Amino acid sequence: MSKAGDKKNLSTHFLAGGGAGLCEAVCCHPLDTIKVRMQLSKKSPRPGFITVAYNIFRKESIFAFYKGLGAVVTGIVPKMAIRFSSFEAYKGFLANKETGKVSTAATFFAGLGAGITEAVLVVTPMDVIKIRLQAQRHSMTDPLDIPKYRNAAHATYTILKEEGFRALYKGVALTALRQATNQAVNFTVYQEMKKQMKKIQNTKDGQELPSYQHLLMGGISGAMGPFANAPIDTIKTRIQRSSSQEKGWARFKTVTVELVKKEGYLALYKGPY
């Protein structure tokens, strides 16, 4: 493929990934807010999905499900664009130089690289701001109930002023680990399922599978990563919610030990289940 073709292909993935990310943010953010509240909850017994959703709706109004959406919308387009374009770039780099074919291992490592890239460039700061906003339990319909962080821009300003730039990168190692494993599993499972589906249906070279099959494969592959690394995500959320100045391994150890000691090992799986 020519350099012009490569640039066009990457641009297409960049735009398509950004558009897909925006749709994902608007549709799935309420579920993410519930997940974050479940992960931050220290109550025993653990409140379930329905209980958390009902309490948010009753005490904070339906608009509370979209707390932190501004941070996500700002970051989701570059995040998804970087994910897909970097995956294609890494995949091209790892492809067989003679045949151009991409092995399963190459797909896995390309996904791993894409996850780390998006985590460092976009996801970590976005998550810190999003989680701070989602954690606030104020009513969205009461003008007198004024939260610490009014919106994504104000949250960014306040965090930078009170905690410094490094605070936006709290939990960066865990975020990179989560995103890397997510995307490695996601892309590998998706590509392998796609190969098998084409083989089963005797699809000709260059012929695409129906859209509903892509949707089904995307749903299955996309769900596998988060279920596998739920403990990483729960600990990461607790770290990013906190304004503690404790750093690195010390903070990770404090949060993990406190969580397990007070809430049990099952608390590591708050959110997905």
C-alpha atoms as a PDB file:
ATOM      1  CA  MET A   1       0.000   0.000   0.000  1.00  0.00           C
ATOM      2  CA  SER A   2       1.291   3.507  -0.824  1.00  0.00           C
ATOM      3  CA  LYS A   3       2.133   6.111   1.815  1.00  0.00           C
ATOM      4  CA  ALA A   4      -0.849   8.145   0.652  1.00  0.00           C
ATOM      5  CA  GLY A   5      -3.043   5.083   1.111  1.00  0.00           C
ATOM      6  CA  ASP A   6      -1.605   4.497   4.589  1.00  0.00           C
ATOM      7  CA  LYS A   7      -2.338   8.095   5.597  1.00  0.00           C
ATOM      8  CA  LYS A   8      -5.871   7.859   4.232  1.00  0.00           C
ATOM      9  CA  ASN A   9      -6.434   4.561   6.047  1.00  0.00           C
ATOM     10  CA  LEU A  10      -5.194   5.989   9.365  1.00  0.00           C
ATOM     11  CA  SER A  11      -7.343   9.107   8.895  1.00  0.00           C
ATOM     12  CA  THR A  12     -10.391   6.922   8.284  1.00  0.00           C
ATOM     13  CA  HIS A  13      -9.714   4.916  11.454  1.00  0.00           C
ATOM     14  CA  PHE A  14      -9.118   8.159  13.370  1.00  0.00           C
ATOM     15  CA  LEU A  15     -12.467   9.660  12.305  1.00  0.00           C
ATOM     16  CA  ALA A  16     -14.435   6.412  12.601  1.00  0.00           C
ATOM     17  CA  GLY A  17     -12.976   5.727  16.041  1.00  0.00           C
ATOM     18  CA  GLY A  18     -13.777   9.239  17.222  1.00  0.00           C
ATOM     19  CA  GLY A  19     -17.375   9.028  15.999  1.00  0.00           C
ATOM     20  CA  ALA A  20     -17.879   5.614  17.592  1.00  0.00           C
ATOM     21  CA  GLY A  21     -16.459   6.925  20.857  1.00  0.00           C
ATOM     22  CA  LEU A  22     -18.870   9.843  20.947  1.00  0.00           C
ATOM     23  CA  CYS A  23     -21.862   7.534  20.457  1.00  0.00           C
ATOM     24  CA  GLU A  24     -20.516   5.222  23.175  1.00  0.00           C
ATOM     25  CA  ALA A  25     -20.127   8.106  25.635  1.00  0.00           C
ATOM     26  CA  VAL A  26     -23.679   9.380  25.242  1.00  0.00           C
ATOM     27  CA  CYS A  27     -25.293   5.928  25.388  1.00  0.00           C
ATOM     28  CA  CYS A  28     -23.200   4.254  28.094  1.00  0.00           C
ATOM     29  CA  HIS A  29     -22.316   7.039  30.538  1.00  0.00           C
ATOM     30  CA  PRO A  30     -25.234   6.352  32.946  1.00  0.00           C
ATOM     31  CA  LEU A  31     -23.994   2.762  33.311  1.00  0.00           C
ATOM     32  CA  ASP A  32     -20.480   4.020  33.982  1.00  0.00           C
ATOM     33  CA  THR A  33     -21.748   6.397  36.686  1.00  0.00           C
ATOM     34  CA  ILE A  34     -23.523   3.518  38.438  1.00  0.00           C
ATOM     35  CA  LYS A  35     -20.374   1.378  38.152  1.00  0.00           C
ATOM     36  CA  VAL A  36     -18.201   4.109  39.695  1.00  0.00           C
ATOM     37  CA  ARG A  37     -20.644   4.600  42.592  1.00  0.00           C
ATOM     38  CA  MET A  38     -20.635   0.845  43.224  1.00  0.00           C
ATOM     39  CA  GLN A  39     -16.833   0.795  43.219  1.00  0.00           C
ATOM     40  CA  LEU A  40     -16.631   3.728  45.640  1.00  0.00           C
ATOM     41  CA  SER A  41     -19.285   2.406  48.024  1.00  0.00           C
ATOM     42  CA  LYS A  42     -17.935   1.144  51.353  1.00  0.00           C
ATOM     43  CA  LYS A  43     -21.284  -0.110  52.629  1.00  0.00           C
ATOM     44  CA  SER A  44     -21.858  -3.679  53.749  1.00  0.00           C
ATOM     45  CA  PRO A  45     -23.697  -5.542  52.346  1.00  0.00           C
ATOM     46  CA  ARG A  46     -22.731  -4.230  48.941  1.00  0.00           C
ATOM     47  CA  PRO A  47     -25.542  -2.300  47.224  1.00  0.00           C
ATOM     48  CA  GLY A  48     -26.530  -3.843  43.907  1.00  0.00           C
ATOM     49  CA  PHE A  49     -26.867  -2.248  40.490  1.00  0.00           C
ATOM     50  CA  ILE A  50     -30.614  -1.550  40.818  1.00  0.00           C
ATOM     51  CA  THR A  51     -30.259  -0.131  44.346  1.00  0.00           C
ATOM     52  CA  VAL A  52     -27.475   2.245  43.341  1.00  0.00           C
ATOM     53  CA  ALA A  53     -29.353   3.376  40.223  1.00  0.00           C
ATOM     54  CA  TYR A  54     -32.552   3.963  42.224  1.00  0.00           C
ATOM     55  CA  ASN A  55     -30.745   5.977  44.916  1.00  0.00           C
ATOM     56  CA  ILE A  56     -29.059   8.189  42.335  1.00  0.00           C
ATOM     57  CA  PHE A  57     -32.381   8.830  40.612  1.00  0.00           C
ATOM     58  CA  ARG A  58     -34.299   9.458  43.870  1.00  0.00           C
ATOM     59  CA  LYS A  59     -31.768  11.662  45.636  1.00  0.00           C
ATOM     60  CA  GLU A  60     -29.981  13.429  42.792  1.00  0.00           C
ATOM     61  CA  SER A  61     -32.408  13.321  39.816  1.00  0.00           C
ATOM     62  CA  ILE A  62     -32.088  11.616  36.454  1.00  0.00           C
ATOM     63  CA  PHE A  63     -29.498  14.174  35.323  1.00  0.00           C
ATOM     64  CA  ALA A  64     -27.046  12.822  37.914  1.00  0.00           C
ATOM     65  CA  PHE A  65     -26.455   9.785  35.701  1.00  0.00           C
ATOM     66  CA  TYR A  66     -24.623  12.149  33.361  1.00  0.00           C
ATOM     67  CA  LYS A  67     -22.257  13.648  35.925  1.00  0.00           C
ATOM     68  CA  GLY A  68     -18.803  13.795  34.378  1.00  0.00           C
ATOM     69  CA  LEU A  69     -20.105  13.493  30.819  1.00  0.00           C
ATOM     70  CA  GLY A  70     -18.335  16.713  29.850  1.00  0.00           C
ATOM     71  CA  ALA A  71     -14.964  15.174  30.682  1.00  0.00           C
ATOM     72  CA  VAL A  72     -15.838  12.042  28.726  1.00  0.00           C
ATOM     73  CA  VAL A  73     -17.111  13.895  25.649  1.00  0.00           C
ATOM     74  CA  THR A  74     -13.963  16.028  25.652  1.00  0.00           C
ATOM     75  CA  GLY A  75     -11.731  12.984  25.899  1.00  0.00           C
ATOM     76  CA  ILE A  76     -13.669  10.178  24.199  1.00  0.00           C
ATOM     77  CA  VAL A  77     -13.184  11.338  20.613  1.00  0.00           C
ATOM     78  CA  PRO A  78      -9.378  11.619  20.852  1.00  0.00           C
ATOM     79  CA  LYS A  79      -9.296   8.442  22.987  1.00  0.00           C
ATOM     80  CA  MET A  80     -11.115   6.285  20.445  1.00  0.00           C
ATOM     81  CA  ALA A  81      -9.347   7.940  17.542  1.00  0.00           C
ATOM     82  CA  ILE A  82      -5.950   7.261  19.146  1.00  0.00           C
ATOM     83  CA  ARG A  83      -6.999   3.690  20.024  1.00  0.00           C
ATOM     84  CA  PHE A  84      -7.937   2.665  16.486  1.00  0.00           C
ATOM     85  CA  SER A  85      -5.278   4.633  14.630  1.00  0.00           C
ATOM     86  CA  SER A  86      -2.462   3.468  16.948  1.00  0.00           C
ATOM     87  CA  PHE A  87      -3.729  -0.126  16.764  1.00  0.00           C
ATOM     88  CA  GLU A  88      -3.568  -0.011  12.976  1.00  0.00           C
ATOM     89  CA  ALA A  89      -0.111   1.583  13.121  1.00  0.00           C
ATOM     90  CA  TYR A  90       1.243  -1.038  15.551  1.00  0.00           C
ATOM     91  CA  LYS A  91      -0.423  -3.827  13.580  1.00  0.00           C
ATOM     92  CA  GLY A  92       1.211  -2.617  10.379  1.00  0.00           C
ATOM     93  CA  PHE A  93       4.589  -2.460  12.115  1.00  0.00           C
ATOM     94  CA  LEU A  94       4.203  -6.018  13.495  1.00  0.00           C
ATOM     95  CA  ALA A  95       2.838  -7.552  10.282  1.00  0.00           C
ATOM     96  CA  ASN A  96       4.918 -10.056   8.329  1.00  0.00           C
ATOM     97  CA  LYS A  97       7.141  -7.961   6.052  1.00  0.00           C
ATOM     98  CA  GLU A  98       6.886 -10.399   3.155  1.00  0.00           C
ATOM     99  CA  THR A  99       3.232 -11.485   3.207  1.00  0.00           C
ATOM    100  CA  GLY A 100       1.678  -8.550   5.051  1.00  0.00           C
ATOM    101  CA  LYS A 101      -0.278 -10.990   7.231  1.00  0.00           C
ATOM    102  CA  VAL A 102      -0.860 -10.222  10.906  1.00  0.00           C
ATOM    103  CA  SER A 103      -0.521 -13.103  13.365  1.00  0.00           C
ATOM    104  CA  THR A 104      -2.649 -13.561  16.480  1.00  0.00           C
ATOM    105  CA  ALA A 105       0.356 -12.620  18.638  1.00  0.00           C
ATOM    106  CA  ALA A 106       0.909  -9.460  16.577  1.00  0.00           C
ATOM    107  CA  THR A 107      -2.751  -8.500  17.016  1.00  0.00           C
ATOM    108  CA  PHE A 108      -2.446  -9.048  20.777  1.00  0.00           C
ATOM    109  CA  PHE A 109       0.657  -6.863  21.100  1.00  0.00           C
ATOM    110  CA  ALA A 110      -0.816  -4.190  18.805  1.00  0.00           C
ATOM    111  CA  GLY A 111      -3.848  -4.047  21.114  1.00  0.00           C
ATOM    112  CA  LEU A 112      -1.553  -3.911  24.132  1.00  0.00           C
ATOM    113  CA  GLY A 113       0.318  -0.968  22.625  1.00  0.00           C
ATOM    114  CA  ALA A 114      -2.884   0.836  21.648  1.00  0.00           C
ATOM    115  CA  GLY A 115      -4.220   0.510  25.203  1.00  0.00           C
ATOM    116  CA  ILE A 116      -1.054   1.919  26.771  1.00  0.00           C
ATOM    117  CA  THR A 117      -0.949   4.766  24.236  1.00  0.00           C
ATOM    118  CA  GLU A 118      -4.524   5.898  24.894  1.00  0.00           C
ATOM    119  CA  ALA A 119      -4.069   5.529  28.675  1.00  0.00           C
ATOM    120  CA  VAL A 120      -1.052   7.831  28.791  1.00  0.00           C
ATOM    121  CA  LEU A 121      -2.239  10.417  26.269  1.00  0.00           C
ATOM    122  CA  VAL A 122      -5.925  10.743  27.169  1.00  0.00           C
ATOM    123  CA  VAL A 123      -7.611   8.213  29.455  1.00  0.00           C
ATOM    124  CA  THR A 124      -5.878   8.848  32.794  1.00  0.00           C
ATOM    125  CA  PRO A 125      -6.558  12.623  33.057  1.00  0.00           C
ATOM    126  CA  MET A 126     -10.065  12.089  31.665  1.00  0.00           C
ATOM    127  CA  ASP A 127     -10.806   9.378  34.236  1.00  0.00           C
ATOM    128  CA  VAL A 128      -9.553  11.451  37.181  1.00  0.00           C
ATOM    129  CA  ILE A 129     -11.817  14.377  36.255  1.00  0.00           C
ATOM    130  CA  LYS A 130     -14.772  12.123  35.394  1.00  0.00           C
ATOM    131  CA  ILE A 131     -14.569  10.146  38.642  1.00  0.00           C
ATOM    132  CA  ARG A 132     -14.291  13.283  40.791  1.00  0.00           C
ATOM    133  CA  LEU A 133     -17.499  14.584  39.192  1.00  0.00           C
ATOM    134  CA  GLN A 134     -19.326  11.243  39.365  1.00  0.00           C
ATOM    135  CA  ALA A 135     -18.453  10.810  43.048  1.00  0.00           C
ATOM    136  CA  GLN A 136     -20.246  14.020  44.069  1.00  0.00           C
ATOM    137  CA  ARG A 137     -23.643  13.259  45.597  1.00  0.00           C
ATOM    138  CA  HIS A 138     -25.380  16.596  45.067  1.00  0.00           C
ATOM    139  CA  SER A 139     -28.812  17.157  43.553  1.00  0.00           C
ATOM    140  CA  MET A 140     -28.712  18.297  39.948  1.00  0.00           C
ATOM    141  CA  THR A 141     -32.052  20.090  40.314  1.00  0.00           C
ATOM    142  CA  ASP A 142     -31.331  22.092  43.503  1.00  0.00           C
ATOM    143  CA  PRO A 143     -29.494  25.359  42.680  1.00  0.00           C
ATOM    144  CA  LEU A 144     -28.525  25.760  46.351  1.00  0.00           C
ATOM    145  CA  ASP A 145     -26.762  22.398  46.458  1.00  0.00           C
ATOM    146  CA  ILE A 146     -23.387  23.571  45.153  1.00  0.00           C
ATOM    147  CA  PRO A 147     -20.728  20.856  44.664  1.00  0.00           C
ATOM    148  CA  LYS A 148     -16.966  21.277  44.920  1.00  0.00           C
ATOM    149  CA  TYR A 149     -16.561  20.630  41.189  1.00  0.00           C
ATOM    150  CA  ARG A 150     -19.170  22.384  39.034  1.00  0.00           C
ATOM    151  CA  ASN A 151     -18.190  20.915  35.665  1.00  0.00           C
ATOM    152  CA  ALA A 152     -15.261  19.318  33.852  1.00  0.00           C
ATOM    153  CA  ALA A 153     -13.435  22.608  33.244  1.00  0.00           C
ATOM    154  CA  HIS A 154     -13.887  23.725  36.858  1.00  0.00           C
ATOM    155  CA  ALA A 155     -12.803  20.298  38.132  1.00  0.00           C
ATOM    156  CA  THR A 156      -9.639  20.477  36.025  1.00  0.00           C
ATOM    157  CA  TYR A 157      -8.857  23.978  37.292  1.00  0.00           C
ATOM    158  CA  THR A 158      -9.509  23.030  40.947  1.00  0.00           C
ATOM    159  CA  ILE A 159      -7.431  19.847  40.785  1.00  0.00           C
ATOM    160  CA  LEU A 160      -4.517  21.697  39.169  1.00  0.00           C
ATOM    161  CA  LYS A 161      -4.749  24.532  41.705  1.00  0.00           C
ATOM    162  CA  GLU A 162      -5.066  22.366  44.834  1.00  0.00           C
ATOM    163  CA  GLU A 163      -3.125  19.233  43.920  1.00  0.00           C
ATOM    164  CA  GLY A 164      -0.907  20.100  40.964  1.00  0.00           C
ATOM    165  CA  PHE A 165      -0.529  18.622  37.471  1.00  0.00           C
ATOM    166  CA  ARG A 166       0.620  15.228  38.767  1.00  0.00           C
ATOM    167  CA  ALA A 167      -2.836  14.693  40.302  1.00  0.00           C
ATOM    168  CA  LEU A 168      -4.299  14.312  36.803  1.00  0.00           C
ATOM    169  CA  TYR A 169      -2.081  11.252  36.393  1.00  0.00           C
ATOM    170  CA  LYS A 170      -3.048   9.463  39.592  1.00  0.00           C
ATOM    171  CA  GLY A 171      -3.350   5.769  38.877  1.00  0.00           C
ATOM    172  CA  VAL A 172      -1.646   6.064  35.479  1.00  0.00           C
ATOM    173  CA  ALA A 173       0.116   2.692  35.844  1.00  0.00           C
ATOM    174  CA  LEU A 174      -3.136   0.914  36.727  1.00  0.00           C
ATOM    175  CA  THR A 175      -4.988   2.759  33.968  1.00  0.00           C
ATOM    176  CA  ALA A 176      -2.331   1.715  31.446  1.00  0.00           C
ATOM    177  CA  LEU A 177      -2.526  -1.882  32.702  1.00  0.00           C
ATOM    178  CA  ARG A 178      -6.325  -1.857  32.479  1.00  0.00           C
ATOM    179  CA  GLN A 179      -6.448  -0.298  29.014  1.00  0.00           C
ATOM    180  CA  ALA A 180      -3.621  -2.495  27.699  1.00  0.00           C
ATOM    181  CA  THR A 181      -5.241  -5.752  28.828  1.00  0.00           C
ATOM    182  CA  ASN A 182      -8.667  -4.545  27.706  1.00  0.00           C
ATOM    183  CA  GLN A 183      -7.572  -3.711  24.189  1.00  0.00           C
ATOM    184  CA  ALA A 184      -5.248  -6.696  23.817  1.00  0.00           C
ATOM    185  CA  VAL A 185      -8.137  -9.036  24.664  1.00  0.00           C
ATOM    186  CA  ASN A 186     -10.702  -6.954  22.776  1.00  0.00           C
ATOM    187  CA  PHE A 187      -8.853  -6.749  19.455  1.00  0.00           C
ATOM    188  CA  THR A 188      -7.503 -10.314  19.591  1.00  0.00           C
ATOM    189  CA  VAL A 189     -10.864 -11.923  20.359  1.00  0.00           C
ATOM    190  CA  TYR A 190     -12.609  -9.755  17.757  1.00  0.00           C
ATOM    191  CA  GLN A 191     -10.109 -10.549  14.995  1.00  0.00           C
ATOM    192  CA  GLU A 192     -10.112 -14.283  15.782  1.00  0.00           C
ATOM    193  CA  MET A 193     -13.923 -14.412  15.862  1.00  0.00           C
ATOM    194  CA  LYS A 194     -13.999 -12.563  12.554  1.00  0.00           C
ATOM    195  CA  LYS A 195     -11.619 -15.106  10.985  1.00  0.00           C
ATOM    196  CA  GLN A 196     -13.709 -18.024  12.225  1.00  0.00           C
ATOM    197  CA  MET A 197     -16.978 -16.475  11.066  1.00  0.00           C
ATOM    198  CA  LYS A 198     -15.554 -15.898   7.582  1.00  0.00           C
ATOM    199  CA  LYS A 199     -14.284 -19.471   7.465  1.00  0.00           C
ATOM    200  CA  ILE A 200     -17.634 -20.934   8.592  1.00  0.00           C
ATOM    201  CA  GLN A 201     -19.582 -18.870   6.055  1.00  0.00           C
ATOM    202  CA  ASN A 202     -17.043 -19.367   3.240  1.00  0.00           C
ATOM    203  CA  THR A 203     -16.745 -15.615   2.817  1.00  0.00           C
ATOM    204  CA  LYS A 204     -14.712 -14.526  -0.193  1.00  0.00           C
ATOM    205  CA  ASP A 205     -11.597 -12.367   0.168  1.00  0.00           C
ATOM    206  CA  GLY A 206     -12.563  -8.717   0.446  1.00  0.00           C
ATOM    207  CA  GLN A 207     -16.184  -9.547   1.294  1.00  0.00           C
ATOM    208  CA  GLU A 208     -17.367  -8.119   4.616  1.00  0.00           C
ATOM    209  CA  LEU A 209     -19.550  -9.846   7.198  1.00  0.00           C
ATOM    210  CA  PRO A 210     -23.054  -8.479   7.892  1.00  0.00           C
ATOM    211  CA  SER A 211     -23.270  -5.525  10.301  1.00  0.00           C
ATOM    212  CA  TYR A 212     -25.191  -7.480  12.945  1.00  0.00           C
ATOM    213  CA  GLN A 213     -22.345 -10.012  13.130  1.00  0.00           C
ATOM    214  CA  HIS A 214     -19.813  -7.220  13.656  1.00  0.00           C
ATOM    215  CA  LEU A 215     -22.074  -5.859  16.412  1.00  0.00           C
ATOM    216  CA  LEU A 216     -22.324  -9.262  18.095  1.00  0.00           C
ATOM    217  CA  MET A 217     -18.580  -9.899  17.897  1.00  0.00           C
ATOM    218  CA  GLY A 218     -17.817  -6.402  19.168  1.00  0.00           C
ATOM    219  CA  GLY A 219     -20.150  -6.894  22.138  1.00  0.00           C
ATOM    220  CA  ILE A 220     -18.578 -10.218  23.120  1.00  0.00           C
ATOM    221  CA  SER A 221     -14.966  -9.091  22.676  1.00  0.00           C
ATOM    222  CA  GLY A 222     -15.603  -5.757  24.380  1.00  0.00           C
ATOM    223  CA  ALA A 223     -17.084  -7.426  27.471  1.00  0.00           C
ATOM    224  CA  MET A 224     -14.237  -9.869  28.074  1.00  0.00           C
ATOM    225  CA  GLY A 225     -11.552  -7.371  29.112  1.00  0.00           C
ATOM    226  CA  PRO A 226     -13.532  -5.493  31.797  1.00  0.00           C
ATOM    227  CA  PHE A 227     -14.666  -8.728  33.460  1.00  0.00           C
ATOM    228  CA  ALA A 228     -11.081  -9.981  33.565  1.00  0.00           C
ATOM    229  CA  ASN A 229      -9.531  -6.864  35.094  1.00  0.00           C
ATOM    230  CA  ALA A 230     -12.329  -5.596  37.359  1.00  0.00           C
ATOM    231  CA  PRO A 231     -10.058  -5.563  40.463  1.00  0.00           C
ATOM    232  CA  ILE A 232      -7.598  -3.256  38.661  1.00  0.00           C
ATOM    233  CA  ASP A 233     -10.432  -0.901  37.727  1.00  0.00           C
ATOM    234  CA  THR A 234     -11.896  -0.824  41.253  1.00  0.00           C
ATOM    235  CA  ILE A 235      -8.549   0.015  42.887  1.00  0.00           C
ATOM    236  CA  LYS A 236      -7.820   2.594  40.167  1.00  0.00           C
ATOM    237  CA  THR A 237     -11.179   4.293  40.793  1.00  0.00           C
ATOM    238  CA  ARG A 238     -10.517   4.516  44.549  1.00  0.00           C
ATOM    239  CA  ILE A 239      -7.055   6.010  43.939  1.00  0.00           C
ATOM    240  CA  GLN A 240      -8.295   8.588  41.425  1.00  0.00           C
ATOM    241  CA  ARG A 241     -11.193   9.612  43.671  1.00  0.00           C
ATOM    242  CA  SER A 242      -8.845  10.407  46.564  1.00  0.00           C
ATOM    243  CA  SER A 243      -7.057  13.742  46.979  1.00  0.00           C
ATOM    244  CA  SER A 244      -4.336  12.084  49.089  1.00  0.00           C
ATOM    245  CA  GLN A 245      -0.766  13.139  48.311  1.00  0.00           C
ATOM    246  CA  GLU A 246       0.514   9.594  48.868  1.00  0.00           C
ATOM    247  CA  LYS A 247       2.223   8.385  45.695  1.00  0.00           C
ATOM    248  CA  GLY A 248       2.798   5.271  43.612  1.00  0.00           C
ATOM    249  CA  TRP A 249       3.128   1.873  45.228  1.00  0.00           C
ATOM    250  CA  ALA A 250       2.443   3.265  48.723  1.00  0.00           C
ATOM    251  CA  ARG A 251      -0.973   4.567  47.645  1.00  0.00           C
ATOM    252  CA  PHE A 252      -1.791   1.363  45.763  1.00  0.00           C
ATOM    253  CA  LYS A 253      -0.917  -0.722  48.821  1.00  0.00           C
ATOM    254  CA  THR A 254      -2.914   1.504  51.211  1.00  0.00           C
ATOM    255  CA  VAL A 255      -6.056   1.458  49.056  1.00  0.00           C
ATOM    256  CA  THR A 256      -5.896  -2.276  48.314  1.00  0.00           C
ATOM    257  CA  VAL A 257      -5.236  -3.368  51.903  1.00  0.00           C
ATOM    258  CA  GLU A 258      -7.934  -1.063  53.286  1.00  0.00           C
ATOM    259  CA  LEU A 259     -10.473  -2.237  50.700  1.00  0.00           C
ATOM    260  CA  VAL A 260      -9.862  -5.960  51.268  1.00  0.00           C
ATOM    261  CA  LYS A 261      -9.614  -5.641  55.062  1.00  0.00           C
ATOM    262  CA  LYS A 262     -12.815  -3.633  55.512  1.00  0.00           C
ATOM    263  CA  GLU A 263     -14.948  -4.920  52.642  1.00  0.00           C
ATOM    264  CA  GLY A 264     -13.565  -8.326  51.673  1.00  0.00           C
ATOM    265  CA  TYR A 265     -12.114  -9.705  48.442  1.00  0.00           C
ATOM    266  CA  LEU A 266     -15.468  -9.571  46.645  1.00  0.00           C
ATOM    267  CA  ALA A 267     -15.331  -5.770  46.906  1.00  0.00           C
ATOM    268  CA  LEU A 268     -12.649  -5.871  44.205  1.00  0.00           C
ATOM    269  CA  TYR A 269     -15.419  -6.873  41.811  1.00  0.00           C
ATOM    270  CA  LYS A 270     -17.792  -4.004  42.583  1.00  0.00           C
ATOM    271  CA  GLY A 271     -19.213  -2.618  39.373  1.00  0.00           C
ATOM    272  CA  PRO A 272     -19.209  -5.493  36.871  1.00  0.00           C
ATOM    273  CA  TYR A 273     -21.348  -7.825  38.974  1.00  0.00           C
END
